[in-house]
Each structure stands twice: as structure tokens, then as C-alpha cells.
Amino acid sequence: MTQDSLRDRSRRTLDSARSNHEDDPSLPNTVWYGRVLGFRYQIDEAIAVFSEGLERFPDSFELLRQRGHRYLSTRRFAEGLADLARAAELIEGKPEWIEPDGKGNELPVPATSIQFNTWYHLALAHYLLGDWDAAEAAYRRCLDWVAPGDHDGLTACNDWLYMTLRRKGDEVGAEQVLATVPSGLPDEAFVEGPSYYRRLRMYRGEFAPDDLLTPEIGSQVIHDLETLYATQGYGVGNWHLYNGDTARAREVFEQILRGRSKYAFGYIAAERDLREMAGD
């Protein structure tokens, strides 16, 4: 799919989601309309839709999970944590529930469960707030909800878990995480691209860190090259930080922030780390 084709499909999907929501502001239509706004990086508008929906559906774990995610995108980490923690409470004990696409969707949206997405973003909220113990616990819960064959989810969750453990100073635990990651997966095994897998392979010594700073490998359907750089580069910066090269880590983080992918989690985490390194 070309970028022009994707933009056309994105516009049509948004028009459809908006129209359906205006005609019938049901819970599913509200969730989908906000999601599509988020896909198009209209983050404040998405939060407004989710917030309006929560006035009508205050115990909606779907809306809380989605708004919590977008609060993280806007650096409102504590508010994101509160929403995601509440969503985790509400889904406790429920069977696996795959987040459905809305009517009129033309976008390549991977099918993932509300449980995986809630725990993944809750763990990220803890990570961004520097609570490594809570982040580790949440990432381990997230791994319980990785669907068989979901290499994207498996590698993303393990990658952030590895980084969390390294931040804790638990090198043994981090090495144990690497040992669980399968070898030899082709790029085609990933819906959203192999960026997290490349990071994990770099931690195992299969790539040199600088190999990931030329992110020509990955799906440009969902991720542009700047987003790929932010994703792969954040792992590289962390690698240098763990190994005592603070100056090189800072260089990589600063290069990430010179890009435009300000909603990528690697970009957001690099911002956080640079503030911490500056003593702010």
C-alpha cells in the first residue's frame, strides 16, 4: 500500500467514524471514532472524544484504556496511569476480548486484546514515571496476554521488559528475557515491522548498536523512517546508557528529538531520559 493510498483510506475511515458517531454515539462508535483520531495524531481531539464518552459510560474499560494511552502521548503520565490502572481493575477476570475495528475501517489495524493493550500501556506509564518494579510486574502480566503467533506483541513487550530490568540493575533477569525470544524470525513475521525484534537482537550481540541507526528495515505502511529511528534509536541510546557511555546515549536521544515523531514511545522516553540526565 502506498503512502498516498494509506492517507486516502485514513481520511475515508475518519469520515466514516465521525459520521457513525454523530448518528449514534454508542460506546463502540465512540471508542472507534476516538481511536481513528488517535491514528491520525489528532491526539487532543481523541482525548476529548474519550472524555465525553466516559461521561456517558463511566465504567467503560475500553474508553479508559484508550484515553490512558493518549494521555501518555501527551506526556500526562500520572493521568494515563490512573486511567489504565482503572481499566486493568475492570477487565480483571474477563475472558480475552479482542478490540474490534469500527464500521467502515480501511486501515491495517492489528488485532490485539484489550488485556494486552491495557497492561502494555500501564507498564509503559510506570516506566515513564520511573517506577521500575511496577513496570516489571505490569510487563509480565502483559506477556500473559500475548496471542500465539503474535510476534509484534511478544517482541515489544519483551523489549520494554528487558529495558526495565536493566534500569533496575537486574542484568541476570534481563538476560533471561533475551533467552525466551525466538531466533530466526523473518521480517515478514511482523505486522508492524521488526524494530523491537532488531533491538532485542542487538542486545544479544547479533547487531552492532549503530546498525539500528540506519532504519531501512521495517514496515513503512504504519511507521515512517523517523518513527523507526525513534523506536530503534531509543534502544541504542539505552544500550549506551547501561554500558556507561552517557555522552553517546545523550547524542542518540538528542538525535531522536530532532525528528518529528513526537508521539512515538521511543521519542517520549528519550525526552524523559534527557530531562533526568540534565537533573530536571
Protein backbone atom coordinates (compact mmCIF):
# COMPACT_ATOMS: atom_id res chain seq x y z
CA MET A 1 0.00 0.00 0.00
CA THR A 2 1.46 3.39 -0.98
CA GLN A 3 1.56 6.33 1.43
CA ASP A 4 -0.95 8.23 -0.75
CA SER A 5 -3.31 5.27 -0.68
CA LEU A 6 -2.95 4.99 3.09
CA ARG A 7 -3.75 8.70 3.54
CA ASP A 8 -6.86 8.33 1.38
CA ARG A 9 -8.01 5.32 3.34
CA SER A 10 -7.29 7.13 6.60
CA ARG A 11 -9.42 10.11 5.56
CA ARG A 12 -12.28 7.88 4.47
CA THR A 13 -12.07 5.88 7.69
CA LEU A 14 -12.18 9.09 9.74
CA ASP A 15 -15.15 10.43 7.78
CA SER A 16 -16.99 7.17 8.33
CA ALA A 17 -16.15 7.04 12.04
CA ARG A 18 -17.23 10.64 12.57
CA SER A 19 -20.50 10.11 10.70
CA ASN A 20 -21.32 6.93 12.60
CA HIS A 21 -20.58 8.65 15.92
CA GLU A 22 -22.74 11.64 15.04
CA ASP A 23 -25.62 9.39 14.02
CA ASP A 24 -25.28 7.07 17.01
CA PRO A 25 -22.87 7.97 19.85
CA SER A 26 -22.92 4.41 21.17
CA LEU A 27 -19.99 3.03 23.13
CA PRO A 28 -18.50 1.14 20.14
CA ASN A 29 -18.88 4.17 17.83
CA THR A 30 -17.34 6.48 20.44
CA VAL A 31 -14.36 4.19 21.02
CA TRP A 32 -13.72 3.78 17.30
CA TYR A 33 -14.05 7.48 16.48
CA GLY A 34 -11.52 8.35 19.18
CA ARG A 35 -9.19 5.60 18.04
CA VAL A 36 -9.21 6.82 14.44
CA LEU A 37 -8.48 10.37 15.60
CA GLY A 38 -5.53 8.93 17.52
CA PHE A 39 -4.31 7.01 14.48
CA ARG A 40 -4.24 10.36 12.64
CA TYR A 41 -2.32 12.02 15.52
CA GLN A 42 -5.25 14.26 16.41
CA ILE A 43 -4.50 13.39 20.00
CA ASP A 44 -6.26 16.21 21.85
CA GLU A 45 -9.40 15.62 19.79
CA ALA A 46 -9.20 11.90 20.59
CA ILE A 47 -8.91 12.59 24.32
CA ALA A 48 -11.93 14.90 24.12
CA VAL A 49 -14.00 12.16 22.44
CA PHE A 50 -12.96 9.58 25.04
CA SER A 51 -13.64 12.01 27.89
CA GLU A 52 -17.10 12.84 26.54
CA GLY A 53 -17.76 9.13 26.21
CA LEU A 54 -16.72 8.50 29.80
CA GLU A 55 -19.33 10.98 30.98
CA ARG A 56 -21.93 8.63 29.48
CA PHE A 57 -20.12 5.34 30.10
CA PRO A 58 -18.08 5.98 33.28
CA ASP A 59 -17.06 2.34 33.79
CA SER A 60 -16.02 1.64 30.22
CA PHE A 61 -12.71 -0.18 30.33
CA GLU A 62 -12.47 0.37 26.56
CA LEU A 63 -12.60 4.17 26.89
CA LEU A 64 -10.31 4.22 29.93
CA ARG A 65 -7.70 2.09 28.14
CA GLN A 66 -7.84 4.33 25.06
CA ARG A 67 -7.74 7.64 26.93
CA GLY A 68 -4.94 6.38 29.15
CA HIS A 69 -2.88 5.55 26.08
CA ARG A 70 -3.43 9.02 24.62
CA TYR A 71 -2.65 10.72 27.91
CA LEU A 72 0.78 9.08 27.65
CA SER A 73 1.09 10.51 24.12
CA THR A 74 0.59 13.99 25.57
CA ARG A 75 3.02 13.41 28.47
CA ARG A 76 0.24 13.35 31.07
CA PHE A 77 1.75 10.27 32.64
CA ALA A 78 0.00 10.33 36.01
CA GLU A 79 -3.41 10.76 34.38
CA GLY A 80 -2.62 7.97 31.96
CA LEU A 81 -1.58 5.74 34.83
CA ALA A 82 -4.86 6.41 36.66
CA ASP A 83 -6.99 5.55 33.61
CA LEU A 84 -5.03 2.44 32.74
CA ALA A 85 -4.95 1.18 36.32
CA ARG A 86 -8.74 1.56 36.48
CA ALA A 87 -9.12 -0.25 33.15
CA ALA A 88 -6.95 -3.09 34.48
CA GLU A 89 -9.23 -3.40 37.52
CA LEU A 90 -12.34 -3.52 35.33
CA ILE A 91 -11.02 -6.23 32.99
CA GLU A 92 -9.67 -8.46 35.77
CA GLY A 93 -11.15 -11.93 35.38
CA LYS A 94 -12.73 -11.27 32.00
CA PRO A 95 -12.05 -13.62 29.08
CA GLU A 96 -9.78 -12.44 26.30
CA TRP A 97 -11.52 -9.66 24.38
CA ILE A 98 -10.15 -8.60 21.02
CA GLU A 99 -10.56 -4.88 20.37
CA PRO A 100 -12.91 -4.64 17.39
CA ASP A 101 -12.48 -2.38 14.38
CA GLY A 102 -15.28 0.06 13.67
CA LYS A 103 -17.64 0.06 10.72
CA GLY A 104 -16.03 1.39 7.56
CA ASN A 105 -12.45 0.71 8.63
CA GLU A 106 -9.94 0.67 5.78
CA LEU A 107 -6.78 0.79 7.92
CA PRO A 108 -4.38 -2.11 8.64
CA VAL A 109 -5.10 -2.32 12.37
CA PRO A 110 -3.54 -5.38 14.09
CA ALA A 111 -5.98 -7.47 16.11
CA THR A 112 -4.94 -7.37 19.76
CA SER A 113 -6.74 -7.93 23.03
CA ILE A 114 -7.89 -5.29 25.48
CA GLN A 115 -5.93 -7.18 28.13
CA PHE A 116 -2.64 -6.98 26.22
CA ASN A 117 -3.10 -3.32 25.34
CA THR A 118 -4.13 -2.30 28.84
CA TRP A 119 -1.19 -4.00 30.56
CA TYR A 120 1.27 -2.87 27.87
CA HIS A 121 0.36 0.79 28.24
CA LEU A 122 0.01 0.56 32.03
CA ALA A 123 3.55 -0.83 32.17
CA LEU A 124 4.74 2.00 29.95
CA ALA A 125 3.12 4.55 32.27
CA HIS A 126 5.06 3.08 35.19
CA TYR A 127 8.25 3.08 33.09
CA LEU A 128 7.85 6.73 32.13
CA LEU A 129 7.27 7.60 35.78
CA GLY A 130 10.43 5.69 36.77
CA ASP A 131 8.67 3.03 38.86
CA TRP A 132 10.71 0.06 37.63
CA ASP A 133 9.21 -2.55 39.99
CA ALA A 134 5.66 -1.70 38.95
CA ALA A 135 6.68 -1.57 35.30
CA GLU A 136 8.25 -5.03 35.52
CA ALA A 137 5.15 -6.50 37.15
CA ALA A 138 2.88 -4.98 34.50
CA TYR A 139 5.03 -6.13 31.58
CA ARG A 140 4.98 -9.67 32.97
CA ARG A 141 1.17 -9.50 33.13
CA CYS A 142 1.22 -8.21 29.56
CA LEU A 143 3.20 -11.25 28.42
CA ASP A 144 0.43 -13.48 29.77
CA TRP A 145 -1.84 -12.00 27.08
CA VAL A 146 0.40 -12.29 24.04
CA ALA A 147 -1.56 -14.31 21.49
CA PRO A 148 0.12 -17.35 19.89
CA GLY A 149 2.00 -16.22 16.81
CA ASP A 150 1.84 -12.52 17.73
CA HIS A 151 5.50 -11.75 17.20
CA ASP A 152 4.88 -7.98 17.32
CA GLY A 153 3.35 -8.18 20.79
CA LEU A 154 5.90 -10.70 22.06
CA THR A 155 8.93 -8.69 21.00
CA ALA A 156 7.53 -5.29 22.00
CA CYS A 157 6.67 -6.46 25.50
CA ASN A 158 9.94 -8.34 25.99
CA ASP A 159 11.95 -5.40 24.72
CA TRP A 160 10.44 -2.96 27.23
CA LEU A 161 10.71 -5.59 29.97
CA TYR A 162 14.40 -6.02 29.15
CA MET A 163 14.96 -2.26 29.35
CA THR A 164 13.04 -2.08 32.62
CA LEU A 165 15.18 -4.80 34.17
CA ARG A 166 18.37 -3.11 33.00
CA ARG A 167 17.16 0.14 34.58
CA LYS A 168 16.65 -1.81 37.81
CA GLY A 169 20.18 -3.19 37.55
CA ASP A 170 18.86 -6.75 37.18
CA GLU A 171 21.21 -7.98 34.45
CA VAL A 172 20.50 -11.64 35.20
CA GLY A 173 16.77 -11.14 34.76
CA ALA A 174 17.37 -9.17 31.58
CA GLU A 175 19.47 -12.00 30.11
CA GLN A 176 16.71 -14.45 30.99
CA VAL A 177 14.27 -12.34 28.97
CA LEU A 178 16.57 -12.46 25.94
CA ALA A 179 16.76 -16.24 26.19
CA THR A 180 12.98 -16.52 25.73
CA VAL A 181 12.93 -14.57 22.45
CA PRO A 182 12.89 -16.84 19.37
CA SER A 183 15.70 -16.65 16.84
CA GLY A 184 15.49 -16.54 13.07
CA LEU A 185 12.18 -14.71 12.66
CA PRO A 186 11.88 -13.16 9.18
CA ASP A 187 10.80 -9.54 8.76
CA GLU A 188 7.58 -10.82 7.20
CA ALA A 189 6.58 -12.34 10.55
CA PHE A 190 5.80 -8.84 11.87
CA VAL A 191 2.70 -6.85 11.01
CA GLU A 192 4.14 -3.54 12.20
CA GLY A 193 7.79 -4.18 11.36
CA PRO A 194 10.71 -5.81 13.17
CA SER A 195 12.04 -2.79 15.09
CA TYR A 196 11.60 -4.27 18.57
CA TYR A 197 13.00 -7.59 17.37
CA ARG A 198 16.05 -5.83 15.98
CA ARG A 199 16.56 -4.14 19.35
CA LEU A 200 16.42 -7.48 21.14
CA ARG A 201 18.85 -8.97 18.65
CA MET A 202 21.16 -6.01 19.21
CA TYR A 203 21.08 -6.66 22.97
CA ARG A 204 22.09 -10.26 22.18
CA GLY A 205 25.03 -9.06 20.10
CA GLU A 206 23.55 -10.03 16.73
CA PHE A 207 23.63 -6.40 15.55
CA ALA A 208 26.07 -3.62 16.39
CA PRO A 209 24.25 -0.69 18.02
CA ASP A 210 24.97 1.63 15.10
CA ASP A 211 23.34 -0.85 12.71
CA LEU A 212 19.98 0.19 14.17
CA LEU A 213 20.61 3.88 13.49
CA THR A 214 20.05 3.32 9.76
CA PRO A 215 16.47 2.04 10.00
CA GLU A 216 15.91 0.97 6.43
CA ILE A 217 14.26 -2.27 7.59
CA GLY A 218 10.67 -2.14 8.74
CA SER A 219 7.13 -1.57 7.58
CA GLN A 220 6.68 1.95 6.23
CA VAL A 221 2.96 1.30 5.89
CA ILE A 222 2.49 2.01 9.59
CA HIS A 223 5.84 3.53 10.55
CA ASP A 224 7.77 6.17 8.66
CA LEU A 225 11.56 6.21 8.87
CA GLU A 226 11.64 8.85 11.62
CA THR A 227 9.36 6.70 13.77
CA LEU A 228 11.56 3.70 13.06
CA TYR A 229 14.60 5.75 14.10
CA ALA A 230 12.88 6.80 17.32
CA THR A 231 11.94 3.20 18.10
CA GLN A 232 15.25 1.58 17.22
CA GLY A 233 17.31 4.54 18.37
CA TYR A 234 15.82 4.56 21.86
CA GLY A 235 17.05 1.01 22.38
CA VAL A 236 20.50 2.06 21.15
CA GLY A 237 20.62 5.06 23.46
CA ASN A 238 19.62 2.89 26.39
CA TRP A 239 22.28 0.36 25.46
CA HIS A 240 24.96 3.01 25.67
CA LEU A 241 23.49 4.29 28.94
CA TYR A 242 23.58 0.81 30.53
CA ASN A 243 27.17 0.37 29.44
CA GLY A 244 28.37 3.65 30.90
CA ASP A 245 28.67 5.77 27.75
CA THR A 246 26.40 8.59 28.87
CA ALA A 247 27.72 11.02 26.25
CA ARG A 248 26.84 8.69 23.37
CA ALA A 249 23.44 7.93 24.92
CA ARG A 250 22.72 11.66 25.08
CA GLU A 251 23.74 12.09 21.44
CA VAL A 252 21.34 9.37 20.31
CA PHE A 253 18.46 10.68 22.43
CA GLU A 254 19.02 14.20 21.12
CA GLN A 255 19.03 12.91 17.55
CA ILE A 256 15.66 11.25 18.18
CA LEU A 257 14.24 14.58 19.35
CA ARG A 258 15.41 16.27 16.16
CA GLY A 259 12.87 14.13 14.32
CA ARG A 260 9.15 14.76 14.10
CA SER A 261 7.80 11.54 15.60
CA LYS A 262 6.83 13.18 18.89
CA TYR A 263 4.12 10.61 19.62
CA ALA A 264 6.42 7.58 19.26
CA PHE A 265 7.09 5.97 22.62
CA GLY A 266 10.82 5.98 21.90
CA TYR A 267 10.65 9.76 21.40
CA ILE A 268 8.64 10.25 24.60
CA ALA A 269 11.02 8.06 26.62
CA ALA A 270 14.07 9.83 25.15
CA GLU A 271 12.58 13.16 26.32
CA ARG A 272 12.14 11.71 29.78
CA ASP A 273 15.68 10.38 29.95
CA LEU A 274 17.24 13.62 28.73
CA ARG A 275 15.37 15.53 31.45
CA GLU A 276 16.64 13.07 34.03
CA MET A 277 20.19 13.27 32.68
CA ALA A 278 20.01 17.07 32.92
CA GLY A 279 18.86 16.82 36.52
CA ASP A 280 15.46 18.41 35.84
